[in-house]
Amino acid sequence: MLNNSDVHYREVKFWFDKKLITSLLKEKIKPLKYFNDKILLYGLSINKIKRGR
């Protein structure tokens, strides 16, 4: 718990293993769509990208 200032909200900082968390998110967030060879879309972002075009 961080309490750096009376003006700001309290903050909580977590340290994660990047590879573990990334693989967990990729596994659990469905569906997956390839936007191009460098961009993958997951979950609700698929519909948001379609509307933005």
C-alpha atoms as a PDB file:
ATOM      1  CA  MET A   1       0.000   0.000   0.000  1.00  0.00           C
ATOM      2  CA  LEU A   2       1.448   3.352  -1.019  1.00  0.00           C
ATOM      3  CA  ASN A   3       0.517   6.562   0.770  1.00  0.00           C
ATOM      4  CA  ASN A   4       2.687   9.110  -0.987  1.00  0.00           C
ATOM      5  CA  SER A   5       0.347  12.056  -0.674  1.00  0.00           C
ATOM      6  CA  ASP A   6      -2.787  13.260   1.115  1.00  0.00           C
ATOM      7  CA  VAL A   7      -4.075  14.587  -2.235  1.00  0.00           C
ATOM      8  CA  HIS A   8      -3.976  11.295  -4.170  1.00  0.00           C
ATOM      9  CA  TYR A   9      -5.869   8.083  -3.654  1.00  0.00           C
ATOM     10  CA  ARG A  10      -4.135   5.210  -1.967  1.00  0.00           C
ATOM     11  CA  GLU A  11      -2.373   2.939  -4.403  1.00  0.00           C
ATOM     12  CA  VAL A  12      -1.561  -0.744  -4.331  1.00  0.00           C
ATOM     13  CA  LYS A  13       1.412  -2.024  -6.268  1.00  0.00           C
ATOM     14  CA  PHE A  14       1.781  -5.638  -7.387  1.00  0.00           C
ATOM     15  CA  TRP A  15       4.829  -7.357  -8.815  1.00  0.00           C
ATOM     16  CA  PHE A  16       4.121 -10.154 -11.271  1.00  0.00           C
ATOM     17  CA  ASP A  17       6.073 -12.537 -13.415  1.00  0.00           C
ATOM     18  CA  LYS A  18       5.506 -11.047 -16.891  1.00  0.00           C
ATOM     19  CA  LYS A  19       5.614 -14.340 -18.824  1.00  0.00           C
ATOM     20  CA  LEU A  20       3.285 -16.111 -16.411  1.00  0.00           C
ATOM     21  CA  ILE A  21       0.669 -13.341 -16.353  1.00  0.00           C
ATOM     22  CA  THR A  22       0.796 -12.842 -20.140  1.00  0.00           C
ATOM     23  CA  SER A  23       0.262 -16.542 -20.804  1.00  0.00           C
ATOM     24  CA  LEU A  24      -2.565 -16.673 -18.260  1.00  0.00           C
ATOM     25  CA  LEU A  25      -4.348 -13.716 -19.868  1.00  0.00           C
ATOM     26  CA  LYS A  26      -3.893 -15.140 -23.369  1.00  0.00           C
ATOM     27  CA  GLU A  27      -5.302 -18.460 -22.236  1.00  0.00           C
ATOM     28  CA  LYS A  28      -8.335 -17.043 -20.410  1.00  0.00           C
ATOM     29  CA  ILE A  29      -9.440 -14.117 -22.615  1.00  0.00           C
ATOM     30  CA  LYS A  30     -11.330 -15.396 -25.637  1.00  0.00           C
ATOM     31  CA  PRO A  31     -11.913 -15.018 -28.557  1.00  0.00           C
ATOM     32  CA  LEU A  32      -8.691 -14.273 -30.392  1.00  0.00           C
ATOM     33  CA  LYS A  33      -8.468 -12.633 -33.813  1.00  0.00           C
ATOM     34  CA  TYR A  34      -5.373 -11.822 -35.849  1.00  0.00           C
ATOM     35  CA  PHE A  35      -5.611  -8.172 -36.964  1.00  0.00           C
ATOM     36  CA  ASN A  36      -2.336  -8.440 -38.890  1.00  0.00           C
ATOM     37  CA  ASP A  37       0.979 -10.243 -38.473  1.00  0.00           C
ATOM     38  CA  LYS A  38       1.961  -8.081 -35.463  1.00  0.00           C
ATOM     39  CA  ILE A  39      -1.349  -7.301 -33.741  1.00  0.00           C
ATOM     40  CA  LEU A  40      -3.609  -9.789 -31.971  1.00  0.00           C
ATOM     41  CA  LEU A  41      -7.042  -8.770 -30.727  1.00  0.00           C
ATOM     42  CA  TYR A  42      -8.620 -10.378 -27.677  1.00  0.00           C
ATOM     43  CA  GLY A  43     -12.115 -10.320 -26.216  1.00  0.00           C
ATOM     44  CA  LEU A  44     -14.111  -7.096 -26.499  1.00  0.00           C
ATOM     45  CA  SER A  45     -11.327  -5.280 -28.375  1.00  0.00           C
ATOM     46  CA  ILE A  46     -12.353  -7.164 -31.555  1.00  0.00           C
ATOM     47  CA  ASN A  47     -15.682  -5.316 -31.764  1.00  0.00           C
ATOM     48  CA  LYS A  48     -14.173  -1.993 -30.727  1.00  0.00           C
ATOM     49  CA  ILE A  49     -11.611  -2.102 -33.550  1.00  0.00           C
ATOM     50  CA  LYS A  50     -14.314  -2.978 -36.106  1.00  0.00           C
ATOM     51  CA  ARG A  51     -16.385   0.063 -35.098  1.00  0.00           C
ATOM     52  CA  GLY A  52     -13.368   2.375 -35.202  1.00  0.00           C
ATOM     53  CA  ARG A  53     -12.564   1.658 -38.854  1.00  0.00           C
END
